[in-house]
C-alpha atoms as a PDB file:
ATOM      1  CA  MET A   1     -17.554 -18.407  -2.338  1.00  0.00           C
ATOM      2  CA  ALA A   2     -18.140 -14.941  -0.301  1.00  0.00           C
ATOM      3  CA  GLU A   3     -20.208 -12.193  -1.474  1.00  0.00           C
ATOM      4  CA  VAL A   4     -18.240  -9.567  -3.994  1.00  0.00           C
ATOM      5  CA  LYS A   5     -18.983  -6.150  -3.182  1.00  0.00           C
ATOM      6  CA  VAL A   6     -17.967  -3.676  -5.165  1.00  0.00           C
ATOM      7  CA  GLY A   7     -19.257   0.593  -5.627  1.00  0.00           C
ATOM      8  CA  ILE A   8     -19.273   3.072  -7.690  1.00  0.00           C
ATOM      9  CA  ILE A   9     -17.623   6.748  -6.927  1.00  0.00           C
ATOM     10  CA  ASN A  10     -19.566   9.393  -8.623  1.00  0.00           C
ATOM     11  CA  VAL A  11     -22.631   7.314  -9.801  1.00  0.00           C
ATOM     12  CA  THR A  12     -24.581  10.845 -10.955  1.00  0.00           C
ATOM     13  CA  GLY A  13     -22.034  11.241 -14.062  1.00  0.00           C
ATOM     14  CA  TYR A  14     -23.089   9.112 -17.151  1.00  0.00           C
ATOM     15  CA  ILE A  15     -20.865   6.794 -17.005  1.00  0.00           C
ATOM     16  CA  GLY A  16     -21.961   6.015 -13.548  1.00  0.00           C
ATOM     17  CA  MET A  17     -25.549   5.638 -13.647  1.00  0.00           C
ATOM     18  CA  GLU A  18     -24.541   2.874 -16.857  1.00  0.00           C
ATOM     19  CA  LEU A  19     -22.382   0.894 -14.024  1.00  0.00           C
ATOM     20  CA  ALA A  20     -25.602   1.222 -11.942  1.00  0.00           C
ATOM     21  CA  ARG A  21     -27.190  -0.526 -14.665  1.00  0.00           C
ATOM     22  CA  LEU A  22     -24.974  -2.846 -15.701  1.00  0.00           C
ATOM     23  CA  LEU A  23     -23.728  -4.285 -12.437  1.00  0.00           C
ATOM     24  CA  HIS A  24     -27.168  -3.774 -10.966  1.00  0.00           C
ATOM     25  CA  ARG A  25     -28.108  -7.454 -13.386  1.00  0.00           C
ATOM     26  CA  HIS A  26     -24.823  -8.840 -12.107  1.00  0.00           C
ATOM     27  CA  PRO A  27     -24.616 -12.459 -10.798  1.00  0.00           C
ATOM     28  CA  SER A  28     -21.454 -12.408  -9.203  1.00  0.00           C
ATOM     29  CA  VAL A  29     -21.280  -9.222  -7.609  1.00  0.00           C
ATOM     30  CA  ARG A  30     -23.307  -6.839  -5.110  1.00  0.00           C
ATOM     31  CA  LEU A  31     -23.365  -3.048  -6.063  1.00  0.00           C
ATOM     32  CA  ALA A  32     -22.956  -2.150  -2.537  1.00  0.00           C
ATOM     33  CA  SER A  33     -22.000   1.179  -2.047  1.00  0.00           C
ATOM     34  CA  ILE A  34     -22.146   4.703  -4.226  1.00  0.00           C
ATOM     35  CA  THR A  35     -21.087   8.049  -4.106  1.00  0.00           C
ATOM     36  CA  GLY A  36     -22.357  11.257  -5.606  1.00  0.00           C
ATOM     37  CA  ARG A  37     -20.940  14.726  -6.252  1.00  0.00           C
ATOM     38  CA  SER A  38     -24.218  16.361  -6.206  1.00  0.00           C
ATOM     39  CA  ALA A  39     -27.507  14.396  -4.574  1.00  0.00           C
ATOM     40  CA  VAL A  40     -25.889  12.976  -1.668  1.00  0.00           C
ATOM     41  CA  GLY A  41     -28.155  11.545   0.607  1.00  0.00           C
ATOM     42  CA  LYS A  42     -30.740  11.088  -1.748  1.00  0.00           C
ATOM     43  CA  GLY A  43     -31.631   7.546  -2.825  1.00  0.00           C
ATOM     44  CA  ILE A  44     -30.398   6.720  -6.332  1.00  0.00           C
ATOM     45  CA  GLY A  45     -33.817   6.119  -7.195  1.00  0.00           C
ATOM     46  CA  GLU A  46     -35.194   9.710  -6.772  1.00  0.00           C
ATOM     47  CA  VAL A  47     -32.132  10.569  -8.732  1.00  0.00           C
ATOM     48  CA  PHE A  48     -32.718   8.405 -11.480  1.00  0.00           C
ATOM     49  CA  PRO A  49     -36.165   6.697 -11.762  1.00  0.00           C
ATOM     50  CA  HIS A  50     -35.087   4.190 -14.041  1.00  0.00           C
ATOM     51  CA  LEU A  51     -32.717   2.622 -11.314  1.00  0.00           C
ATOM     52  CA  ALA A  52     -35.229   2.570  -8.963  1.00  0.00           C
ATOM     53  CA  ASP A  53     -34.448  -0.595  -8.119  1.00  0.00           C
ATOM     54  CA  ILE A  54     -31.173  -0.459  -6.571  1.00  0.00           C
ATOM     55  CA  ASN A  55     -32.117   0.064  -2.838  1.00  0.00           C
ATOM     56  CA  LEU A  56     -29.292   2.524  -2.203  1.00  0.00           C
ATOM     57  CA  THR A  57     -28.232   6.257  -0.963  1.00  0.00           C
ATOM     58  CA  ILE A  58     -25.823   8.143  -2.385  1.00  0.00           C
ATOM     59  CA  GLU A  59     -23.039   8.758   0.153  1.00  0.00           C
ATOM     60  CA  PRO A  60     -20.501  11.399   0.009  1.00  0.00           C
ATOM     61  CA  GLU A  61     -17.850   8.333   0.795  1.00  0.00           C
ATOM     62  CA  LEU A  62     -17.140   5.279  -0.091  1.00  0.00           C
ATOM     63  CA  GLY A  63     -18.086   2.120   1.926  1.00  0.00           C
ATOM     64  CA  GLN A  64     -16.352  -0.871   2.523  1.00  0.00           C
ATOM     65  CA  VAL A  65     -16.426  -2.699  -1.154  1.00  0.00           C
ATOM     66  CA  ASP A  66     -13.531  -5.014  -2.645  1.00  0.00           C
ATOM     67  CA  LEU A  67     -13.934  -3.299  -5.714  1.00  0.00           C
ATOM     68  CA  ALA A  68     -14.439   0.514  -6.806  1.00  0.00           C
ATOM     69  CA  PHE A  69     -15.311   2.226  -9.596  1.00  0.00           C
ATOM     70  CA  ALA A  70     -13.890   5.811 -10.167  1.00  0.00           C
ATOM     71  CA  ALA A  71     -15.743   7.840 -12.138  1.00  0.00           C
ATOM     72  CA  LEU A  72     -14.461  11.187 -11.520  1.00  0.00           C
ATOM     73  CA  PRO A  73     -12.946  13.649 -13.699  1.00  0.00           C
ATOM     74  CA  HIS A  74      -9.269  13.765 -14.958  1.00  0.00           C
ATOM     75  CA  GLY A  75      -6.984  15.387 -12.597  1.00  0.00           C
ATOM     76  CA  GLU A  76      -9.298  14.834  -9.796  1.00  0.00           C
ATOM     77  CA  SER A  77      -9.812  10.948  -9.762  1.00  0.00           C
ATOM     78  CA  ALA A  78      -6.159  10.255  -9.120  1.00  0.00           C
ATOM     79  CA  ALA A  79      -6.012  11.201  -5.282  1.00  0.00           C
ATOM     80  CA  THR A  80      -9.539   9.079  -4.535  1.00  0.00           C
ATOM     81  CA  VAL A  81      -7.891   6.320  -6.810  1.00  0.00           C
ATOM     82  CA  VAL A  82      -4.600   6.033  -4.334  1.00  0.00           C
ATOM     83  CA  ALA A  83      -6.846   6.161  -1.338  1.00  0.00           C
ATOM     84  CA  MET A  84      -8.900   3.095  -2.473  1.00  0.00           C
ATOM     85  CA  LEU A  85      -5.487   1.301  -3.246  1.00  0.00           C
ATOM     86  CA  GLU A  86      -4.605   2.390   0.585  1.00  0.00           C
ATOM     87  CA  ARG A  87      -7.633   0.676   1.883  1.00  0.00           C
ATOM     88  CA  GLY A  88      -7.224  -2.381   0.124  1.00  0.00           C
ATOM     89  CA  ILE A  89      -9.259  -1.583  -2.745  1.00  0.00           C
ATOM     90  CA  LYS A  90      -8.905  -2.756  -6.253  1.00  0.00           C
ATOM     91  CA  VAL A  91      -9.743  -0.120  -8.948  1.00  0.00           C
ATOM     92  CA  VAL A  92     -10.925   0.484 -11.989  1.00  0.00           C
ATOM     93  CA  ASP A  93     -10.143   3.850 -12.973  1.00  0.00           C
ATOM     94  CA  ILE A  94     -12.413   5.893 -16.148  1.00  0.00           C
ATOM     95  CA  SER A  95     -10.471   9.037 -15.945  1.00  0.00           C
ATOM     96  CA  ALA A  96      -7.863   9.243 -17.489  1.00  0.00           C
ATOM     97  CA  ASP A  97      -5.386  10.071 -14.708  1.00  0.00           C
ATOM     98  CA  PHE A  98      -3.800   6.633 -15.383  1.00  0.00           C
ATOM     99  CA  ARG A  99      -3.783   5.771 -19.068  1.00  0.00           C
ATOM    100  CA  LEU A 100      -0.537   7.504 -19.758  1.00  0.00           C
ATOM    101  CA  LYS A 101       2.549   6.204 -18.973  1.00  0.00           C
ATOM    102  CA  ASP A 102       4.423   9.120 -19.762  1.00  0.00           C
ATOM    103  CA  ALA A 103       4.265  11.785 -17.065  1.00  0.00           C
ATOM    104  CA  SER A 104       5.052  14.317 -19.504  1.00  0.00           C
ATOM    105  CA  GLU A 105       2.440  13.772 -21.736  1.00  0.00           C
ATOM    106  CA  TYR A 106       0.233  13.565 -19.090  1.00  0.00           C
ATOM    107  CA  ARG A 107       1.555  16.979 -18.256  1.00  0.00           C
ATOM    108  CA  ARG A 108       0.997  18.305 -22.024  1.00  0.00           C
ATOM    109  CA  TRP A 109      -2.369  17.319 -22.778  1.00  0.00           C
ATOM    110  CA  TYR A 110      -4.208  17.990 -19.421  1.00  0.00           C
ATOM    111  CA  LYS A 111      -2.179  20.826 -18.019  1.00  0.00           C
ATOM    112  CA  ALA A 112      -1.338  19.807 -14.939  1.00  0.00           C
ATOM    113  CA  THR A 113       1.622  17.263 -13.527  1.00  0.00           C
ATOM    114  CA  HIS A 114       0.475  13.936 -12.145  1.00  0.00           C
ATOM    115  CA  PRO A 115      -0.923  13.855  -9.132  1.00  0.00           C
ATOM    116  CA  ALA A 116       0.214  10.014  -7.940  1.00  0.00           C
ATOM    117  CA  LEU A 117       2.921   9.253 -10.091  1.00  0.00           C
ATOM    118  CA  GLU A 118       4.157   6.546  -7.874  1.00  0.00           C
ATOM    119  CA  HIS A 119       1.260   4.136  -9.181  1.00  0.00           C
ATOM    120  CA  LEU A 120       1.667   5.045 -12.861  1.00  0.00           C
ATOM    121  CA  LYS A 121       4.476   2.316 -13.730  1.00  0.00           C
ATOM    122  CA  GLU A 122       1.387  -0.546 -11.646  1.00  0.00           C
ATOM    123  CA  ALA A 123      -1.515   0.686 -13.971  1.00  0.00           C
ATOM    124  CA  VAL A 124      -2.897  -1.530 -16.668  1.00  0.00           C
ATOM    125  CA  TYR A 125      -3.995  -0.312 -19.913  1.00  0.00           C
ATOM    126  CA  GLY A 126      -7.084  -1.752 -19.621  1.00  0.00           C
ATOM    127  CA  LEU A 127      -8.252  -2.560 -23.389  1.00  0.00           C
ATOM    128  CA  VAL A 128      -8.919  -6.444 -22.465  1.00  0.00           C
ATOM    129  CA  GLU A 129      -8.489  -7.719 -26.597  1.00  0.00           C
ATOM    130  CA  LEU A 130      -5.181  -6.521 -26.282  1.00  0.00           C
ATOM    131  CA  ASN A 131      -3.801  -6.591 -22.529  1.00  0.00           C
ATOM    132  CA  ARG A 132      -6.093  -9.242 -21.599  1.00  0.00           C
ATOM    133  CA  GLY A 133      -3.289 -11.496 -18.884  1.00  0.00           C
ATOM    134  CA  GLN A 134      -1.856  -8.443 -17.714  1.00  0.00           C
ATOM    135  CA  VAL A 135      -5.762  -7.060 -16.706  1.00  0.00           C
ATOM    136  CA  ALA A 136      -6.228 -10.095 -14.736  1.00  0.00           C
ATOM    137  CA  GLY A 137      -3.345 -10.073 -12.732  1.00  0.00           C
ATOM    138  CA  ALA A 138      -3.979  -5.921 -11.734  1.00  0.00           C
ATOM    139  CA  ARG A 139      -5.298  -3.950  -8.868  1.00  0.00           C
ATOM    140  CA  LEU A 140      -5.311  -0.919 -10.840  1.00  0.00           C
ATOM    141  CA  VAL A 141      -6.984  -0.543 -14.404  1.00  0.00           C
ATOM    142  CA  ALA A 142      -6.786   2.223 -16.488  1.00  0.00           C
ATOM    143  CA  ASN A 143     -10.401   1.851 -18.500  1.00  0.00           C
ATOM    144  CA  PRO A 144      -9.566   2.985 -21.985  1.00  0.00           C
ATOM    145  CA  GLY A 145     -10.940   6.401 -23.740  1.00  0.00           C
ATOM    146  CA  CYS A 146     -13.833   5.784 -26.188  1.00  0.00           C
ATOM    147  CA  TYR A 147     -12.200   7.102 -29.468  1.00  0.00           C
ATOM    148  CA  PRO A 148      -9.408   5.079 -28.441  1.00  0.00           C
ATOM    149  CA  THR A 149     -11.363   2.146 -28.133  1.00  0.00           C
ATOM    150  CA  GLY A 150     -12.651   2.371 -31.400  1.00  0.00           C
ATOM    151  CA  ALA A 151      -9.067   3.200 -32.627  1.00  0.00           C
ATOM    152  CA  ILE A 152      -6.772   0.995 -31.484  1.00  0.00           C
ATOM    153  CA  LEU A 153      -9.264  -2.082 -32.301  1.00  0.00           C
ATOM    154  CA  ALA A 154     -10.067  -1.067 -35.456  1.00  0.00           C
ATOM    155  CA  LEU A 155      -5.981  -0.621 -36.653  1.00  0.00           C
ATOM    156  CA  ALA A 156      -3.948  -3.683 -33.847  1.00  0.00           C
ATOM    157  CA  PRO A 157      -4.134  -6.205 -36.685  1.00  0.00           C
ATOM    158  CA  VAL A 158      -2.852  -4.684 -39.206  1.00  0.00           C
ATOM    159  CA  ILE A 159      -0.282  -2.778 -37.000  1.00  0.00           C
ATOM    160  CA  LYS A 160       0.995  -5.730 -35.192  1.00  0.00           C
ATOM    161  CA  GLU A 161       1.635  -7.319 -38.410  1.00  0.00           C
ATOM    162  CA  GLY A 162       3.489  -4.326 -39.925  1.00  0.00           C
ATOM    163  CA  LEU A 163       0.796  -4.174 -43.136  1.00  0.00           C
ATOM    164  CA  ILE A 164       0.455  -0.404 -43.547  1.00  0.00           C
ATOM    165  CA  GLU A 165       2.787   2.823 -43.906  1.00  0.00           C
ATOM    166  CA  PRO A 166       2.717   4.725 -40.715  1.00  0.00           C
ATOM    167  CA  GLU A 167       1.151   7.894 -41.633  1.00  0.00           C
ATOM    168  CA  ILE A 168      -2.582   6.774 -40.693  1.00  0.00           C
ATOM    169  CA  ILE A 169      -6.209   9.253 -40.677  1.00  0.00           C
ATOM    170  CA  VAL A 170      -8.739   8.576 -37.834  1.00  0.00           C
ATOM    171  CA  ASP A 171     -11.842  10.704 -38.770  1.00  0.00           C
ATOM    172  CA  SER A 172     -14.567   9.835 -35.491  1.00  0.00           C
ATOM    173  CA  LYS A 173     -17.877  11.088 -34.736  1.00  0.00           C
ATOM    174  CA  SER A 174     -19.302  10.388 -31.304  1.00  0.00           C
ATOM    175  CA  GLY A 175     -22.401  11.322 -29.759  1.00  0.00           C
ATOM    176  CA  VAL A 176     -23.319  13.853 -27.398  1.00  0.00           C
ATOM    177  CA  SER A 177     -23.278  12.343 -24.255  1.00  0.00           C
ATOM    178  CA  GLY A 178     -19.403  12.038 -24.735  1.00  0.00           C
ATOM    179  CA  ALA A 179     -19.325  15.295 -23.235  1.00  0.00           C
ATOM    180  CA  GLY A 180     -20.729  14.072 -19.909  1.00  0.00           C
ATOM    181  CA  ARG A 181     -23.775  15.683 -17.732  1.00  0.00           C
ATOM    182  CA  ALA A 182     -22.368  18.938 -17.404  1.00  0.00           C
ATOM    183  CA  LEU A 183     -23.706  22.224 -18.838  1.00  0.00           C
ATOM    184  CA  ASN A 184     -22.152  23.007 -22.324  1.00  0.00           C
ATOM    185  CA  LEU A 185     -23.355  25.216 -24.762  1.00  0.00           C
ATOM    186  CA  THR A 186     -22.122  23.464 -27.983  1.00  0.00           C
ATOM    187  CA  THR A 187     -24.686  20.426 -26.440  1.00  0.00           C
ATOM    188  CA  HIS A 188     -27.404  22.214 -26.244  1.00  0.00           C
ATOM    189  CA  TYR A 189     -30.370  20.672 -28.276  1.00  0.00           C
ATOM    190  CA  ALA A 190     -31.230  24.064 -30.101  1.00  0.00           C
ATOM    191  CA  GLU A 191     -26.665  23.512 -30.904  1.00  0.00           C
ATOM    192  CA  ALA A 192     -26.634  20.199 -31.245  1.00  0.00           C
ATOM    193  CA  ASN A 193     -29.369  19.224 -33.463  1.00  0.00           C
ATOM    194  CA  GLU A 194     -29.433  19.281 -36.812  1.00  0.00           C
ATOM    195  CA  ASN A 195     -25.696  20.250 -36.769  1.00  0.00           C
ATOM    196  CA  VAL A 196     -22.378  18.653 -37.323  1.00  0.00           C
ATOM    197  CA  TYR A 197     -18.535  19.934 -36.360  1.00  0.00           C
ATOM    198  CA  ALA A 198     -15.146  18.896 -36.164  1.00  0.00           C
ATOM    199  CA  TYR A 199     -13.392  19.869 -32.605  1.00  0.00           C
ATOM    200  CA  ALA A 200     -10.212  19.804 -31.443  1.00  0.00           C
ATOM    201  CA  LEU A 201      -8.392  20.632 -34.718  1.00  0.00           C
ATOM    202  CA  ASP A 202      -5.235  21.548 -32.813  1.00  0.00           C
ATOM    203  CA  GLY A 203      -4.786  18.028 -30.851  1.00  0.00           C
ATOM    204  CA  HIS A 204      -7.080  16.146 -28.802  1.00  0.00           C
ATOM    205  CA  ARG A 205      -6.040  14.566 -25.650  1.00  0.00           C
ATOM    206  CA  HIS A 206      -7.451  11.178 -26.639  1.00  0.00           C
ATOM    207  CA  LEU A 207      -4.287  11.064 -29.722  1.00  0.00           C
ATOM    208  CA  PRO A 208      -1.351  10.147 -27.273  1.00  0.00           C
ATOM    209  CA  GLU A 209      -3.475   6.883 -26.089  1.00  0.00           C
ATOM    210  CA  MET A 210      -3.790   6.101 -29.923  1.00  0.00           C
ATOM    211  CA  LEU A 211      -0.191   6.265 -30.023  1.00  0.00           C
ATOM    212  CA  GLN A 212       1.259   4.904 -26.981  1.00  0.00           C
ATOM    213  CA  GLU A 213      -0.839   1.762 -27.423  1.00  0.00           C
ATOM    214  CA  LEU A 214      -0.240   0.832 -30.708  1.00  0.00           C
ATOM    215  CA  ARG A 215       3.035   1.956 -30.670  1.00  0.00           C
ATOM    216  CA  ARG A 216       3.644  -1.698 -28.072  1.00  0.00           C
ATOM    217  CA  LEU A 217       2.250  -3.428 -30.890  1.00  0.00           C
ATOM    218  CA  ALA A 218       5.003  -2.691 -33.729  1.00  0.00           C
ATOM    219  CA  PRO A 219       7.498   0.314 -31.795  1.00  0.00           C
ATOM    220  CA  GLU A 220       9.103   0.286 -35.632  1.00  0.00           C
ATOM    221  CA  PRO A 221       8.542   2.550 -38.029  1.00  0.00           C
ATOM    222  CA  ALA A 222       7.157   5.013 -35.396  1.00  0.00           C
ATOM    223  CA  LEU A 223       3.183   5.857 -36.082  1.00  0.00           C
ATOM    224  CA  SER A 224       2.065   8.876 -36.890  1.00  0.00           C
ATOM    225  CA  ILE A 225      -1.397   9.321 -36.455  1.00  0.00           C
ATOM    226  CA  THR A 226      -3.913  12.409 -37.239  1.00  0.00           C
ATOM    227  CA  PHE A 227      -6.938  12.344 -35.607  1.00  0.00           C
ATOM    228  CA  LEU A 228     -10.174  14.383 -35.706  1.00  0.00           C
ATOM    229  CA  PRO A 229     -13.368  14.306 -33.730  1.00  0.00           C
ATOM    230  CA  HIS A 230     -16.467  15.330 -34.724  1.00  0.00           C
ATOM    231  CA  LEU A 231     -20.024  16.019 -32.729  1.00  0.00           C
ATOM    232  CA  VAL A 232     -23.157  14.461 -34.867  1.00  0.00           C
ATOM    233  CA  PRO A 233     -26.804  14.723 -33.188  1.00  0.00           C
ATOM    234  CA  MET A 234     -27.053  11.648 -31.164  1.00  0.00           C
ATOM    235  CA  THR A 235     -26.896  10.444 -27.876  1.00  0.00           C
ATOM    236  CA  ARG A 236     -24.929   7.165 -28.025  1.00  0.00           C
ATOM    237  CA  GLY A 237     -22.116   6.105 -30.084  1.00  0.00           C
ATOM    238  CA  ILE A 238     -18.919   6.464 -31.858  1.00  0.00           C
ATOM    239  CA  PHE A 239     -18.098   5.645 -35.467  1.00  0.00           C
ATOM    240  CA  THR A 240     -14.600   5.505 -36.545  1.00  0.00           C
ATOM    241  CA  SER A 241     -13.087   5.794 -40.185  1.00  0.00           C
ATOM    242  CA  CYS A 242      -9.197   4.816 -40.140  1.00  0.00           C
ATOM    243  CA  TYR A 243      -7.100   5.634 -43.595  1.00  0.00           C
ATOM    244  CA  ALA A 244      -3.908   3.853 -44.469  1.00  0.00           C
ATOM    245  CA  ARG A 245      -1.670   3.002 -47.180  1.00  0.00           C
ATOM    246  CA  LEU A 246      -0.973  -0.445 -47.698  1.00  0.00           C
ATOM    247  CA  SER A 247       2.842  -1.363 -47.363  1.00  0.00           C
ATOM    248  CA  GLY A 248       4.232  -4.818 -48.488  1.00  0.00           C
ATOM    249  CA  GLY A 249       3.039  -5.578 -51.506  1.00  0.00           C
ATOM    250  CA  GLU A 250      -1.002  -6.128 -52.756  1.00  0.00           C
ATOM    251  CA  LYS A 251      -3.236  -6.718 -50.597  1.00  0.00           C
ATOM    252  CA  SER A 252      -7.222  -7.827 -51.703  1.00  0.00           C
ATOM    253  CA  ARG A 253      -9.458  -7.188 -49.089  1.00  0.00           C
ATOM    254  CA  GLU A 254     -10.598 -10.743 -48.545  1.00  0.00           C
ATOM    255  CA  ASP A 255      -6.862 -10.794 -47.633  1.00  0.00           C
ATOM    256  CA  ILE A 256      -7.920  -8.029 -44.238  1.00  0.00           C
ATOM    257  CA  VAL A 257     -10.608  -9.174 -43.705  1.00  0.00           C
ATOM    258  CA  ARG A 258      -9.398 -12.984 -43.376  1.00  0.00           C
ATOM    259  CA  LEU A 259      -6.543 -11.130 -41.084  1.00  0.00           C
ATOM    260  CA  TYR A 260      -9.271  -9.315 -38.903  1.00  0.00           C
ATOM    261  CA  GLN A 261     -10.887 -12.819 -38.509  1.00  0.00           C
ATOM    262  CA  ASP A 262      -7.573 -14.363 -37.359  1.00  0.00           C
ATOM    263  CA  PHE A 263      -6.888 -11.943 -34.925  1.00  0.00           C
ATOM    264  CA  TYR A 264     -10.301 -11.332 -33.411  1.00  0.00           C
ATOM    265  CA  ARG A 265     -10.982 -14.821 -33.684  1.00  0.00           C
ATOM    266  CA  GLY A 266     -12.609 -16.418 -29.751  1.00  0.00           C
ATOM    267  CA  GLU A 267     -13.737 -12.439 -28.527  1.00  0.00           C
ATOM    268  CA  THR A 268     -16.685 -11.716 -27.090  1.00  0.00           C
ATOM    269  CA  PHE A 269     -17.186  -8.041 -27.839  1.00  0.00           C
ATOM    270  CA  VAL A 270     -15.526  -7.649 -30.744  1.00  0.00           C
ATOM    271  CA  LYS A 271     -16.837  -8.783 -34.306  1.00  0.00           C
ATOM    272  CA  VAL A 272     -15.588  -8.710 -37.914  1.00  0.00           C
ATOM    273  CA  ALA A 273     -19.070  -7.424 -39.473  1.00  0.00           C
ATOM    274  CA  VAL A 274     -19.889  -8.848 -42.817  1.00  0.00           C
ATOM    275  CA  ALA A 275     -21.043  -5.361 -43.890  1.00  0.00           C
ATOM    276  CA  PRO A 276     -20.375  -2.238 -43.210  1.00  0.00           C
ATOM    277  CA  PRO A 277     -21.946  -1.560 -39.472  1.00  0.00           C
ATOM    278  CA  GLN A 278     -23.879   1.142 -37.933  1.00  0.00           C
ATOM    279  CA  THR A 279     -23.683   2.707 -34.588  1.00  0.00           C
ATOM    280  CA  LYS A 280     -27.472   1.979 -33.758  1.00  0.00           C
ATOM    281  CA  GLN A 281     -26.532  -2.122 -33.943  1.00  0.00           C
ATOM    282  CA  THR A 282     -23.859  -1.320 -31.019  1.00  0.00           C
ATOM    283  CA  TRP A 283     -26.426   0.860 -28.611  1.00  0.00           C
ATOM    284  CA  GLY A 284     -26.645  -0.508 -25.496  1.00  0.00           C
ATOM    285  CA  SER A 285     -24.079  -3.252 -25.700  1.00  0.00           C
ATOM    286  CA  ASN A 286     -20.388  -4.011 -25.084  1.00  0.00           C
ATOM    287  CA  LEU A 287     -19.593  -5.134 -28.742  1.00  0.00           C
ATOM    288  CA  CYS A 288     -17.000  -2.744 -31.317  1.00  0.00           C
ATOM    289  CA  LEU A 289     -18.067  -3.854 -35.031  1.00  0.00           C
ATOM    290  CA  ILE A 290     -15.095  -3.509 -37.495  1.00  0.00           C
ATOM    291  CA  TYR A 291     -15.255  -3.009 -41.175  1.00  0.00           C
ATOM    292  CA  PRO A 292     -12.033  -4.061 -43.135  1.00  0.00           C
ATOM    293  CA  SER A 293     -12.048  -2.720 -46.641  1.00  0.00           C
ATOM    294  CA  VAL A 294      -9.764  -2.075 -49.387  1.00  0.00           C
ATOM    295  CA  ASP A 295      -9.590   0.969 -52.077  1.00  0.00           C
ATOM    296  CA  ILE A 296      -8.026  -0.849 -54.563  1.00  0.00           C
ATOM    297  CA  GLY A 297      -7.599   2.438 -56.983  1.00  0.00           C
ATOM    298  CA  THR A 298      -4.992   4.061 -54.589  1.00  0.00           C
ATOM    299  CA  GLY A 299      -3.768   1.156 -52.080  1.00  0.00           C
ATOM    300  CA  THR A 300      -5.715   2.224 -49.190  1.00  0.00           C
ATOM    301  CA  LEU A 301      -6.923   0.227 -45.960  1.00  0.00           C
ATOM    302  CA  ILE A 302     -10.315   2.044 -44.800  1.00  0.00           C
ATOM    303  CA  VAL A 303     -11.634   0.461 -41.628  1.00  0.00           C
ATOM    304  CA  VAL A 304     -14.568   1.542 -39.721  1.00  0.00           C
ATOM    305  CA  SER A 305     -15.771   0.692 -36.786  1.00  0.00           C
ATOM    306  CA  CYS A 306     -18.588   1.013 -33.964  1.00  0.00           C
ATOM    307  CA  LEU A 307     -19.472   1.103 -30.238  1.00  0.00           C
ATOM    308  CA  ASP A 308     -21.616   2.338 -27.689  1.00  0.00           C
ATOM    309  CA  ASN A 309     -19.606   5.398 -26.128  1.00  0.00           C
ATOM    310  CA  LEU A 310     -21.212   4.354 -22.519  1.00  0.00           C
ATOM    311  CA  VAL A 311     -20.758   1.187 -22.827  1.00  0.00           C
ATOM    312  CA  LYS A 312     -17.728  -0.760 -24.795  1.00  0.00           C
ATOM    313  CA  GLY A 313     -16.246   3.211 -24.537  1.00  0.00           C
ATOM    314  CA  GLY A 314     -17.560   3.788 -21.169  1.00  0.00           C
ATOM    315  CA  ALA A 315     -18.960   1.452 -18.584  1.00  0.00           C
ATOM    316  CA  GLY A 316     -19.892  -1.654 -20.228  1.00  0.00           C
ATOM    317  CA  GLN A 317     -15.728  -1.852 -21.038  1.00  0.00           C
ATOM    318  CA  ALA A 318     -14.828  -1.362 -17.253  1.00  0.00           C
ATOM    319  CA  VAL A 319     -17.379  -4.240 -16.332  1.00  0.00           C
ATOM    320  CA  GLN A 320     -15.621  -6.465 -18.664  1.00  0.00           C
ATOM    321  CA  ASN A 321     -11.834  -4.970 -16.495  1.00  0.00           C
ATOM    322  CA  MET A 322     -13.353  -5.920 -13.666  1.00  0.00           C
ATOM    323  CA  ASN A 323     -14.572  -9.598 -14.463  1.00  0.00           C
ATOM    324  CA  LEU A 324     -11.239 -10.724 -14.811  1.00  0.00           C
ATOM    325  CA  MET A 325      -9.798  -8.428 -12.095  1.00  0.00           C
ATOM    326  CA  LEU A 326     -12.006 -10.832  -9.997  1.00  0.00           C
ATOM    327  CA  GLY A 327     -11.949 -14.210 -11.985  1.00  0.00           C
ATOM    328  CA  PHE A 328     -14.637 -13.926 -13.286  1.00  0.00           C
ATOM    329  CA  PRO A 329     -15.539 -14.442 -17.419  1.00  0.00           C
ATOM    330  CA  GLU A 330     -14.884 -11.610 -18.908  1.00  0.00           C
ATOM    331  CA  GLU A 331     -18.498 -11.546 -20.300  1.00  0.00           C
ATOM    332  CA  THR A 332     -20.684 -11.995 -16.972  1.00  0.00           C
ATOM    333  CA  GLY A 333     -23.053  -9.315 -16.898  1.00  0.00           C
ATOM    334  CA  LEU A 334     -22.908  -7.792 -20.438  1.00  0.00           C
ATOM    335  CA  GLU A 335     -24.589 -10.469 -22.824  1.00  0.00           C
ATOM    336  CA  GLY A 336     -27.048  -7.950 -23.370  1.00  0.00           C
ATOM    337  CA  LEU A 337     -27.594  -7.820 -27.379  1.00  0.00           C
ATOM    338  CA  ALA A 338     -28.032  -3.842 -28.754  1.00  0.00           C
ATOM    339  CA  VAL A 339     -31.137  -2.109 -28.859  1.00  0.00           C
ATOM    340  CA  TYR A 340     -32.162  -1.473 -32.620  1.00  0.00           C
ATOM    341  CA  PRO A 341     -33.324   0.739 -34.207  1.00  0.00           C
END
C-alpha cells in the first residue's frame, strides 16, 4: 500500500500540536508537512521540545499530502479548506466554519457571512458515533466543538428514544486550554487559578451545534437547550452535566443505564461508566465517559460526561475522523489510555 501523507495547517496552536503528537505515533500515515502562523522556518522541536523527534520544519504553505487537518480559527479556515479541496486533498476542519448547515445560524453566532457556502452541504459533521457512514465517504469533515461533543453524546440515547421532555439544561466546566494559546487576561494564571466563573450567559456559539445534531435524531418535539459554560482552574478536560425531565412514564436508573449501554455497545471511545467519572480519568485519551442517573424524587434525568477537550474534544476526534476517511480502523493511533492521576 502506498504511503499516506498527512499535514497540519497551523501546528502552533494547542490542537495543532496535539495532532502532531498523535500522528507521529500513527502506524498508517506519515506526518509530512506542517504550517504555522508563527515560527515559520523553525524546526518543530525548536518551538515544542516535546515534539523534537518529529523532523519537520514549519512552512508557510502546506506541501502535497493526501489529507490535511486545518487547525485555524473560525472565519480564517474556510478559504484554506477550499484551496485544499481544489488540490484534491481531503480535509478535517477543526474550526467551526463547516459545522453549521444553516448559513444564517453561522452569521448569527459568528458575526460574519459564511465564505464558502457551496461547501456547506457536502461537509459532514464529524461525530463518528452518530455519523460513521457519512464520515467514511466524505472528503470534508467538520470536526465537532469540544462542548457539543460531550453534550451530544450524553443526550443522544434518550433523545433518539423520545424519553425526555424537550426542555434541557446543559452545564459544562472546561479547562483553560479550551481558550487556545492566544494571550487573554482571563486565562492568565493569577486570574484563572483558584477561580471558577460562568461566561457566555447570553448564549454560546456551540449551542447551535448541539441543537442541530440532536434535532436530527428527533425533529419533534422541538428541543430547547439552555447551555451554560464555566471556566475552571485546570489545563485539560470538560465536565458536562445534563438535566431533563423524563417523559412517558416512570423510568428507573437501571432502565436508563441499560438504554445507554445498548446505544453505545461496541463503541471504542464512548463508555458508560459504572461510577460517576472524573475529568482526569480521560486526560490524554480519546475517551468520553458517560454516567446516566435518575433523580427519583423529581423524575429528572441527570447525565454527566467527561472528556479531554484537546483529544476527544479536538485532535483525537480529528484523527478518528481521518482514520475512517482513509479506510483505517477508527481506533488506529488512538489506543492510549488516560494518564491518571
